[in-house]
Amino acid sequence: MQSSNLPFLVWYKTMFLLSTTKKGFSSKEIQKQLGLKRYEPVWAMVHKLRKAMGNRDARYTLEGMIEMDEGYFTVESSEVEKSKGGRGRGAAGKSNVAVMAESTPLEDTETGKQSRQCRYFKAKVLTDHKADQINQTVQESLDEKSIVFTDKSTSYVDIADYVELHITEKSSKDTTKDTLRWVHITISNAKRNLLGNYHKIKGKYLQLYLNEFVYKLNRRYFEDKLFDRLVIANITGL
């Protein structure tokens, strides 16, 4: 908030709006809600808040049993990317995101039925699908004593070097519904959230939007305390 031309009260009102809904507000909507004339300062403020959310979550690593997979998010392509074209990984208009979720196995003592309960999440935009970046993401995001579940992607070949145990399964419907269930639910919900609230997200800003989504997801039970936590995050995390 330091050196900003916007009053502190505007910052606090914006944090309140961001903390009152799971879906989020676009900068244009916040500008309208607060009755501000210029869009650019609002856009910059909201992105600073999203950066602070990401900084806050970056302080923590996931631990225990971790599901990990990747999702491809639609983004607005630059003119250079459009000229390259292509499909699949690295294609224009798509960003590759590594998503990780703590999942705790549960068993019903009466029926013996097994299920998984999810705790915390992380999402990291990747510039490529090479093993080196996956390894760096694992080192930064996961506790070294974690047990990690993934599919058999060749980019995951070194994960075992950085965690306690790495378990792989061939991609299938069963893998999606069971082993990597929470990761795929999160990817689906994130895509729906971003597409439903924002128009033409540029690839270079996708991480900031994901910061907000994951920050709220990790604090989904905070209810009215989320505003207080968001104020603290932005005082200490910018």
C-alpha atoms as a PDB file:
ATOM      1  CA  MET A   1       0.000   0.000   0.000  1.00  0.00           C
ATOM      2  CA  GLN A   2       3.010   2.271   0.451  1.00  0.00           C
ATOM      3  CA  SER A   3       3.495   4.881  -2.306  1.00  0.00           C
ATOM      4  CA  SER A   4       0.051   4.133  -3.714  1.00  0.00           C
ATOM      5  CA  ASN A   5      -2.063   7.055  -4.889  1.00  0.00           C
ATOM      6  CA  LEU A   6      -5.178   5.243  -3.687  1.00  0.00           C
ATOM      7  CA  PRO A   7      -6.351   5.898  -0.100  1.00  0.00           C
ATOM      8  CA  PHE A   8      -5.912   3.142   2.485  1.00  0.00           C
ATOM      9  CA  LEU A   9      -9.696   2.932   2.776  1.00  0.00           C
ATOM     10  CA  VAL A  10      -9.924   1.927  -0.888  1.00  0.00           C
ATOM     11  CA  TRP A  11      -7.400  -0.850  -0.279  1.00  0.00           C
ATOM     12  CA  TYR A  12      -9.356  -2.118   2.720  1.00  0.00           C
ATOM     13  CA  LYS A  13     -12.647  -2.010   0.830  1.00  0.00           C
ATOM     14  CA  THR A  14     -11.045  -3.951  -2.016  1.00  0.00           C
ATOM     15  CA  MET A  15      -9.723  -6.590   0.387  1.00  0.00           C
ATOM     16  CA  PHE A  16     -13.198  -6.865   1.860  1.00  0.00           C
ATOM     17  CA  LEU A  17     -14.741  -7.410  -1.582  1.00  0.00           C
ATOM     18  CA  LEU A  18     -12.123 -10.023  -2.475  1.00  0.00           C
ATOM     19  CA  SER A  19     -12.760 -11.902   0.774  1.00  0.00           C
ATOM     20  CA  THR A  20     -16.560 -11.942   0.611  1.00  0.00           C
ATOM     21  CA  THR A  21     -16.988 -14.304  -2.328  1.00  0.00           C
ATOM     22  CA  LYS A  22     -15.422 -17.522  -3.537  1.00  0.00           C
ATOM     23  CA  LYS A  23     -15.784 -16.435  -7.144  1.00  0.00           C
ATOM     24  CA  GLY A  24     -13.857 -13.183  -6.887  1.00  0.00           C
ATOM     25  CA  PHE A  25     -14.244  -9.772  -8.480  1.00  0.00           C
ATOM     26  CA  SER A  26     -12.708  -8.476 -11.678  1.00  0.00           C
ATOM     27  CA  SER A  27     -10.836  -5.170 -11.478  1.00  0.00           C
ATOM     28  CA  LYS A  28     -13.549  -3.599 -13.613  1.00  0.00           C
ATOM     29  CA  GLU A  29     -16.243  -4.697 -11.160  1.00  0.00           C
ATOM     30  CA  ILE A  30     -14.242  -3.402  -8.181  1.00  0.00           C
ATOM     31  CA  GLN A  31     -13.805  -0.067  -9.945  1.00  0.00           C
ATOM     32  CA  LYS A  32     -17.587   0.055 -10.418  1.00  0.00           C
ATOM     33  CA  GLN A  33     -18.362  -0.997  -6.830  1.00  0.00           C
ATOM     34  CA  LEU A  34     -16.042   1.657  -5.365  1.00  0.00           C
ATOM     35  CA  GLY A  35     -17.081   4.391  -7.792  1.00  0.00           C
ATOM     36  CA  LEU A  36     -13.540   5.101  -8.973  1.00  0.00           C
ATOM     37  CA  LYS A  37     -12.901   6.974 -12.200  1.00  0.00           C
ATOM     38  CA  ARG A  38      -9.674   5.351 -13.409  1.00  0.00           C
ATOM     39  CA  TYR A  39      -9.269   1.644 -14.130  1.00  0.00           C
ATOM     40  CA  GLU A  40      -5.469   1.363 -14.224  1.00  0.00           C
ATOM     41  CA  PRO A  41      -4.788   2.073 -10.491  1.00  0.00           C
ATOM     42  CA  VAL A  42      -7.487  -0.435  -9.518  1.00  0.00           C
ATOM     43  CA  TRP A  43      -5.992  -3.075 -11.802  1.00  0.00           C
ATOM     44  CA  ALA A  44      -2.520  -2.519 -10.319  1.00  0.00           C
ATOM     45  CA  MET A  45      -3.868  -2.619  -6.741  1.00  0.00           C
ATOM     46  CA  VAL A  46      -5.753  -5.882  -7.250  1.00  0.00           C
ATOM     47  CA  HIS A  47      -2.717  -7.561  -8.808  1.00  0.00           C
ATOM     48  CA  LYS A  48      -0.552  -6.417  -5.876  1.00  0.00           C
ATOM     49  CA  LEU A  49      -3.050  -8.014  -3.521  1.00  0.00           C
ATOM     50  CA  ARG A  50      -2.980 -11.243  -5.530  1.00  0.00           C
ATOM     51  CA  LYS A  51       0.815 -11.224  -5.449  1.00  0.00           C
ATOM     52  CA  ALA A  52       0.723 -10.881  -1.663  1.00  0.00           C
ATOM     53  CA  MET A  53      -1.660 -13.852  -1.458  1.00  0.00           C
ATOM     54  CA  GLY A  54       0.838 -15.931  -3.417  1.00  0.00           C
ATOM     55  CA  ASN A  55       3.723 -14.768  -1.235  1.00  0.00           C
ATOM     56  CA  ARG A  56       1.797 -15.800   1.867  1.00  0.00           C
ATOM     57  CA  ASP A  57       1.103 -19.309   0.585  1.00  0.00           C
ATOM     58  CA  ALA A  58       4.696 -19.649  -0.645  1.00  0.00           C
ATOM     59  CA  ARG A  59       5.799 -19.642   3.012  1.00  0.00           C
ATOM     60  CA  TYR A  60       4.337 -23.108   3.460  1.00  0.00           C
ATOM     61  CA  THR A  61       5.070 -26.483   1.909  1.00  0.00           C
ATOM     62  CA  LEU A  62       2.618 -29.318   1.455  1.00  0.00           C
ATOM     63  CA  GLU A  63       3.307 -32.482   3.429  1.00  0.00           C
ATOM     64  CA  GLY A  64       2.080 -36.023   3.899  1.00  0.00           C
ATOM     65  CA  MET A  65       0.401 -37.659   0.905  1.00  0.00           C
ATOM     66  CA  ILE A  66       0.376 -35.413  -2.159  1.00  0.00           C
ATOM     67  CA  GLU A  67      -1.527 -35.694  -5.436  1.00  0.00           C
ATOM     68  CA  MET A  68       0.182 -33.940  -8.350  1.00  0.00           C
ATOM     69  CA  ASP A  69      -0.815 -33.406 -11.964  1.00  0.00           C
ATOM     70  CA  GLU A  70      -1.003 -30.699 -14.604  1.00  0.00           C
ATOM     71  CA  GLY A  71      -3.826 -28.763 -16.208  1.00  0.00           C
ATOM     72  CA  TYR A  72      -3.938 -26.618 -19.323  1.00  0.00           C
ATOM     73  CA  PHE A  73      -5.574 -23.229 -18.908  1.00  0.00           C
ATOM     74  CA  THR A  74      -6.852 -21.047 -21.732  1.00  0.00           C
ATOM     75  CA  VAL A  75      -5.123 -17.660 -21.835  1.00  0.00           C
ATOM     76  CA  GLU A  76      -4.916 -14.752 -24.238  1.00  0.00           C
ATOM     77  CA  SER A  77      -2.042 -15.270 -26.666  1.00  0.00           C
ATOM     78  CA  SER A  78       0.459 -12.625 -27.641  1.00  0.00           C
ATOM     79  CA  GLU A  79       0.979 -11.896 -31.344  1.00  0.00           C
ATOM     80  CA  VAL A  80       4.238 -13.888 -31.255  1.00  0.00           C
ATOM     81  CA  GLU A  81       2.511 -16.930 -29.743  1.00  0.00           C
ATOM     82  CA  LYS A  82      -0.310 -16.735 -32.275  1.00  0.00           C
ATOM     83  CA  SER A  83       2.190 -16.771 -35.138  1.00  0.00           C
ATOM     84  CA  LYS A  84       3.798 -19.955 -33.790  1.00  0.00           C
ATOM     85  CA  GLY A  85       0.523 -21.887 -33.587  1.00  0.00           C
ATOM     86  CA  GLY A  86       0.826 -25.520 -32.534  1.00  0.00           C
ATOM     87  CA  ARG A  87      -1.213 -27.857 -30.378  1.00  0.00           C
ATOM     88  CA  GLY A  88      -1.005 -29.468 -26.954  1.00  0.00           C
ATOM     89  CA  ARG A  89       1.753 -28.506 -24.544  1.00  0.00           C
ATOM     90  CA  GLY A  90       3.192 -25.107 -25.301  1.00  0.00           C
ATOM     91  CA  ALA A  91       0.466 -24.294 -27.824  1.00  0.00           C
ATOM     92  CA  ALA A  92      -0.601 -20.696 -28.249  1.00  0.00           C
ATOM     93  CA  GLY A  93      -3.503 -19.851 -25.972  1.00  0.00           C
ATOM     94  CA  LYS A  94      -2.673 -22.480 -23.358  1.00  0.00           C
ATOM     95  CA  SER A  95      -0.676 -22.339 -20.130  1.00  0.00           C
ATOM     96  CA  ASN A  96       0.556 -25.416 -18.316  1.00  0.00           C
ATOM     97  CA  VAL A  97      -0.112 -25.406 -14.554  1.00  0.00           C
ATOM     98  CA  ALA A  98       1.220 -27.876 -11.972  1.00  0.00           C
ATOM     99  CA  VAL A  99      -1.417 -28.484  -9.297  1.00  0.00           C
ATOM    100  CA  MET A 100      -0.664 -30.211  -5.987  1.00  0.00           C
ATOM    101  CA  ALA A 101      -3.037 -31.276  -3.213  1.00  0.00           C
ATOM    102  CA  GLU A 102      -2.552 -32.759   0.248  1.00  0.00           C
ATOM    103  CA  SER A 103      -4.843 -35.773   0.474  1.00  0.00           C
ATOM    104  CA  THR A 104      -5.362 -37.748   3.666  1.00  0.00           C
ATOM    105  CA  PRO A 105      -6.588 -41.346   3.266  1.00  0.00           C
ATOM    106  CA  LEU A 106      -9.647 -42.235   5.357  1.00  0.00           C
ATOM    107  CA  GLU A 107     -11.343 -45.572   6.013  1.00  0.00           C
ATOM    108  CA  ASP A 108     -14.856 -46.146   7.331  1.00  0.00           C
ATOM    109  CA  THR A 109     -14.436 -48.475  10.327  1.00  0.00           C
ATOM    110  CA  GLU A 110     -17.839 -50.069   9.741  1.00  0.00           C
ATOM    111  CA  THR A 111     -17.860 -50.571   5.977  1.00  0.00           C
ATOM    112  CA  GLY A 112     -14.128 -50.548   5.253  1.00  0.00           C
ATOM    113  CA  LYS A 113     -14.745 -48.131   2.390  1.00  0.00           C
ATOM    114  CA  GLN A 114     -11.768 -45.923   1.649  1.00  0.00           C
ATOM    115  CA  SER A 115     -11.843 -42.256   0.688  1.00  0.00           C
ATOM    116  CA  ARG A 116      -9.586 -39.213   0.698  1.00  0.00           C
ATOM    117  CA  GLN A 117      -9.976 -35.927   2.508  1.00  0.00           C
ATOM    118  CA  CYS A 118      -8.247 -32.899   1.047  1.00  0.00           C
ATOM    119  CA  ARG A 119      -6.415 -30.224   3.014  1.00  0.00           C
ATOM    120  CA  TYR A 120      -4.190 -27.682   1.253  1.00  0.00           C
ATOM    121  CA  PHE A 121      -3.296 -26.895  -2.350  1.00  0.00           C
ATOM    122  CA  LYS A 122      -0.684 -25.264  -4.538  1.00  0.00           C
ATOM    123  CA  ALA A 123      -0.748 -24.223  -8.201  1.00  0.00           C
ATOM    124  CA  LYS A 124       2.318 -23.187 -10.201  1.00  0.00           C
ATOM    125  CA  VAL A 125       2.383 -21.937 -13.788  1.00  0.00           C
ATOM    126  CA  LEU A 126       5.100 -23.741 -15.763  1.00  0.00           C
ATOM    127  CA  THR A 127       6.960 -22.246 -18.701  1.00  0.00           C
ATOM    128  CA  ASP A 128       7.613 -25.706 -20.135  1.00  0.00           C
ATOM    129  CA  HIS A 129       7.023 -29.387 -19.402  1.00  0.00           C
ATOM    130  CA  LYS A 130      10.661 -30.343 -18.819  1.00  0.00           C
ATOM    131  CA  ALA A 131      11.772 -32.333 -15.790  1.00  0.00           C
ATOM    132  CA  ASP A 132      14.028 -29.546 -14.491  1.00  0.00           C
ATOM    133  CA  GLN A 133      11.104 -27.206 -13.861  1.00  0.00           C
ATOM    134  CA  ILE A 134       8.995 -29.968 -12.348  1.00  0.00           C
ATOM    135  CA  ASN A 135      11.879 -30.778  -9.992  1.00  0.00           C
ATOM    136  CA  GLN A 136      12.218 -27.134  -8.956  1.00  0.00           C
ATOM    137  CA  THR A 137       8.471 -26.905  -8.328  1.00  0.00           C
ATOM    138  CA  VAL A 138       8.563 -30.043  -6.165  1.00  0.00           C
ATOM    139  CA  GLN A 139      11.512 -28.728  -4.141  1.00  0.00           C
ATOM    140  CA  GLU A 140       9.816 -25.377  -3.526  1.00  0.00           C
ATOM    141  CA  SER A 141       6.317 -26.711  -2.847  1.00  0.00           C
ATOM    142  CA  LEU A 142       6.577 -30.073  -1.080  1.00  0.00           C
ATOM    143  CA  ASP A 143       8.122 -31.293   2.156  1.00  0.00           C
ATOM    144  CA  GLU A 144      10.976 -33.711   1.533  1.00  0.00           C
ATOM    145  CA  LYS A 145       9.234 -36.385   3.624  1.00  0.00           C
ATOM    146  CA  SER A 146       6.124 -36.362   1.431  1.00  0.00           C
ATOM    147  CA  ILE A 147       4.662 -39.273  -0.508  1.00  0.00           C
ATOM    148  CA  VAL A 148       3.757 -38.095  -4.012  1.00  0.00           C
ATOM    149  CA  PHE A 149       1.238 -39.675  -6.403  1.00  0.00           C
ATOM    150  CA  THR A 150       1.421 -38.834 -10.121  1.00  0.00           C
ATOM    151  CA  ASP A 151       0.809 -40.388 -13.505  1.00  0.00           C
ATOM    152  CA  LYS A 152       3.698 -41.845 -15.519  1.00  0.00           C
ATOM    153  CA  SER A 153       4.695 -38.648 -17.300  1.00  0.00           C
ATOM    154  CA  THR A 154       8.359 -38.604 -18.306  1.00  0.00           C
ATOM    155  CA  SER A 155       8.671 -35.162 -16.716  1.00  0.00           C
ATOM    156  CA  TYR A 156       8.222 -36.760 -13.294  1.00  0.00           C
ATOM    157  CA  VAL A 157      11.168 -39.169 -13.503  1.00  0.00           C
ATOM    158  CA  ASP A 158      13.298 -37.357 -10.887  1.00  0.00           C
ATOM    159  CA  ILE A 159      10.622 -36.581  -8.287  1.00  0.00           C
ATOM    160  CA  ALA A 160      11.760 -39.510  -6.113  1.00  0.00           C
ATOM    161  CA  ASP A 161      15.070 -37.694  -5.561  1.00  0.00           C
ATOM    162  CA  TYR A 162      13.311 -34.894  -3.669  1.00  0.00           C
ATOM    163  CA  VAL A 163      10.644 -36.673  -1.601  1.00  0.00           C
ATOM    164  CA  GLU A 164      10.301 -39.735   0.619  1.00  0.00           C
ATOM    165  CA  LEU A 165       8.405 -41.807  -1.954  1.00  0.00           C
ATOM    166  CA  HIS A 166       7.070 -41.291  -5.474  1.00  0.00           C
ATOM    167  CA  ILE A 167       4.242 -43.557  -6.651  1.00  0.00           C
ATOM    168  CA  THR A 168       3.155 -43.515 -10.297  1.00  0.00           C
ATOM    169  CA  GLU A 169       0.088 -44.904 -12.035  1.00  0.00           C
ATOM    170  CA  LYS A 170      -0.769 -45.036 -15.707  1.00  0.00           C
ATOM    171  CA  SER A 171      -3.289 -42.366 -16.678  1.00  0.00           C
ATOM    172  CA  SER A 172      -6.814 -43.750 -16.798  1.00  0.00           C
ATOM    173  CA  LYS A 173     -10.359 -42.980 -15.675  1.00  0.00           C
ATOM    174  CA  ASP A 174      -9.678 -44.785 -12.394  1.00  0.00           C
ATOM    175  CA  THR A 175      -6.573 -42.677 -11.786  1.00  0.00           C
ATOM    176  CA  THR A 176      -8.569 -39.497 -12.356  1.00  0.00           C
ATOM    177  CA  LYS A 177     -11.450 -40.572 -10.109  1.00  0.00           C
ATOM    178  CA  ASP A 178      -9.387 -42.066  -7.276  1.00  0.00           C
ATOM    179  CA  THR A 179      -5.624 -41.542  -7.059  1.00  0.00           C
ATOM    180  CA  LEU A 180      -5.614 -37.975  -8.447  1.00  0.00           C
ATOM    181  CA  ARG A 181      -9.204 -37.122  -7.611  1.00  0.00           C
ATOM    182  CA  TRP A 182      -8.678 -33.883  -5.696  1.00  0.00           C
ATOM    183  CA  VAL A 183      -6.165 -32.508  -8.164  1.00  0.00           C
ATOM    184  CA  HIS A 184      -8.571 -32.935 -11.068  1.00  0.00           C
ATOM    185  CA  ILE A 185     -11.495 -31.480  -9.107  1.00  0.00           C
ATOM    186  CA  THR A 186      -9.321 -28.459  -8.307  1.00  0.00           C
ATOM    187  CA  ILE A 187      -8.205 -27.997 -11.909  1.00  0.00           C
ATOM    188  CA  SER A 188     -11.815 -28.173 -13.086  1.00  0.00           C
ATOM    189  CA  ASN A 189     -13.032 -25.716 -10.425  1.00  0.00           C
ATOM    190  CA  ALA A 190     -10.181 -23.287 -11.132  1.00  0.00           C
ATOM    191  CA  LYS A 191     -10.917 -23.245 -14.857  1.00  0.00           C
ATOM    192  CA  ARG A 192     -14.610 -22.684 -14.210  1.00  0.00           C
ATOM    193  CA  ASN A 193     -13.827 -19.898 -11.718  1.00  0.00           C
ATOM    194  CA  LEU A 194     -11.446 -18.032 -14.007  1.00  0.00           C
ATOM    195  CA  LEU A 195     -13.568 -18.360 -17.138  1.00  0.00           C
ATOM    196  CA  GLY A 196     -16.681 -17.303 -15.266  1.00  0.00           C
ATOM    197  CA  ASN A 197     -15.233 -14.138 -13.752  1.00  0.00           C
ATOM    198  CA  TYR A 198     -12.486 -12.817 -15.992  1.00  0.00           C
ATOM    199  CA  HIS A 199     -12.174 -12.155 -19.689  1.00  0.00           C
ATOM    200  CA  LYS A 200      -9.062 -12.942 -21.713  1.00  0.00           C
ATOM    201  CA  ILE A 201      -6.503 -13.557 -18.978  1.00  0.00           C
ATOM    202  CA  LYS A 202      -3.009 -12.956 -20.307  1.00  0.00           C
ATOM    203  CA  GLY A 203      -0.589 -15.797 -19.746  1.00  0.00           C
ATOM    204  CA  LYS A 204       1.897 -13.627 -17.864  1.00  0.00           C
ATOM    205  CA  TYR A 205      -0.765 -12.776 -15.266  1.00  0.00           C
ATOM    206  CA  LEU A 206      -2.287 -16.253 -14.872  1.00  0.00           C
ATOM    207  CA  GLN A 207      -0.210 -16.997 -11.751  1.00  0.00           C
ATOM    208  CA  LEU A 208      -1.692 -13.979  -9.982  1.00  0.00           C
ATOM    209  CA  TYR A 209      -5.256 -15.149 -10.643  1.00  0.00           C
ATOM    210  CA  LEU A 210      -4.326 -18.629  -9.455  1.00  0.00           C
ATOM    211  CA  ASN A 211      -2.800 -17.096  -6.318  1.00  0.00           C
ATOM    212  CA  GLU A 212      -6.189 -15.677  -5.375  1.00  0.00           C
ATOM    213  CA  PHE A 213      -8.047 -18.894  -6.179  1.00  0.00           C
ATOM    214  CA  VAL A 214      -5.677 -21.097  -4.148  1.00  0.00           C
ATOM    215  CA  TYR A 215      -5.415 -18.607  -1.262  1.00  0.00           C
ATOM    216  CA  LYS A 216      -9.181 -18.681  -0.777  1.00  0.00           C
ATOM    217  CA  LEU A 217      -9.348 -22.439  -1.311  1.00  0.00           C
ATOM    218  CA  ASN A 218      -6.766 -23.054   1.404  1.00  0.00           C
ATOM    219  CA  ARG A 219      -8.810 -20.874   3.768  1.00  0.00           C
ATOM    220  CA  ARG A 220     -12.250 -22.102   2.747  1.00  0.00           C
ATOM    221  CA  TYR A 221     -13.299 -22.607   6.378  1.00  0.00           C
ATOM    222  CA  PHE A 222     -12.200 -19.186   7.634  1.00  0.00           C
ATOM    223  CA  GLU A 223     -15.561 -17.551   6.798  1.00  0.00           C
ATOM    224  CA  ASP A 224     -15.661 -13.959   8.131  1.00  0.00           C
ATOM    225  CA  LYS A 225     -12.077 -14.266   9.438  1.00  0.00           C
ATOM    226  CA  LEU A 226     -10.752 -14.335   5.884  1.00  0.00           C
ATOM    227  CA  PHE A 227     -10.788 -10.538   5.666  1.00  0.00           C
ATOM    228  CA  ASP A 228      -8.597 -10.215   8.768  1.00  0.00           C
ATOM    229  CA  ARG A 229      -6.157 -12.796   7.406  1.00  0.00           C
ATOM    230  CA  LEU A 230      -6.071 -11.049   4.046  1.00  0.00           C
ATOM    231  CA  VAL A 231      -5.221  -7.725   5.694  1.00  0.00           C
ATOM    232  CA  ILE A 232      -2.330  -9.383   7.546  1.00  0.00           C
ATOM    233  CA  ALA A 233      -1.117 -11.112   4.362  1.00  0.00           C
ATOM    234  CA  ASN A 234      -1.041  -7.848   2.466  1.00  0.00           C
ATOM    235  CA  ILE A 235       0.651  -5.879   5.246  1.00  0.00           C
ATOM    236  CA  THR A 236       3.426  -8.456   5.554  1.00  0.00           C
ATOM    237  CA  GLY A 237       3.530 -10.006   2.101  1.00  0.00           C
ATOM    238  CA  LEU A 238       3.831  -7.269  -0.512  1.00  0.00           C
END
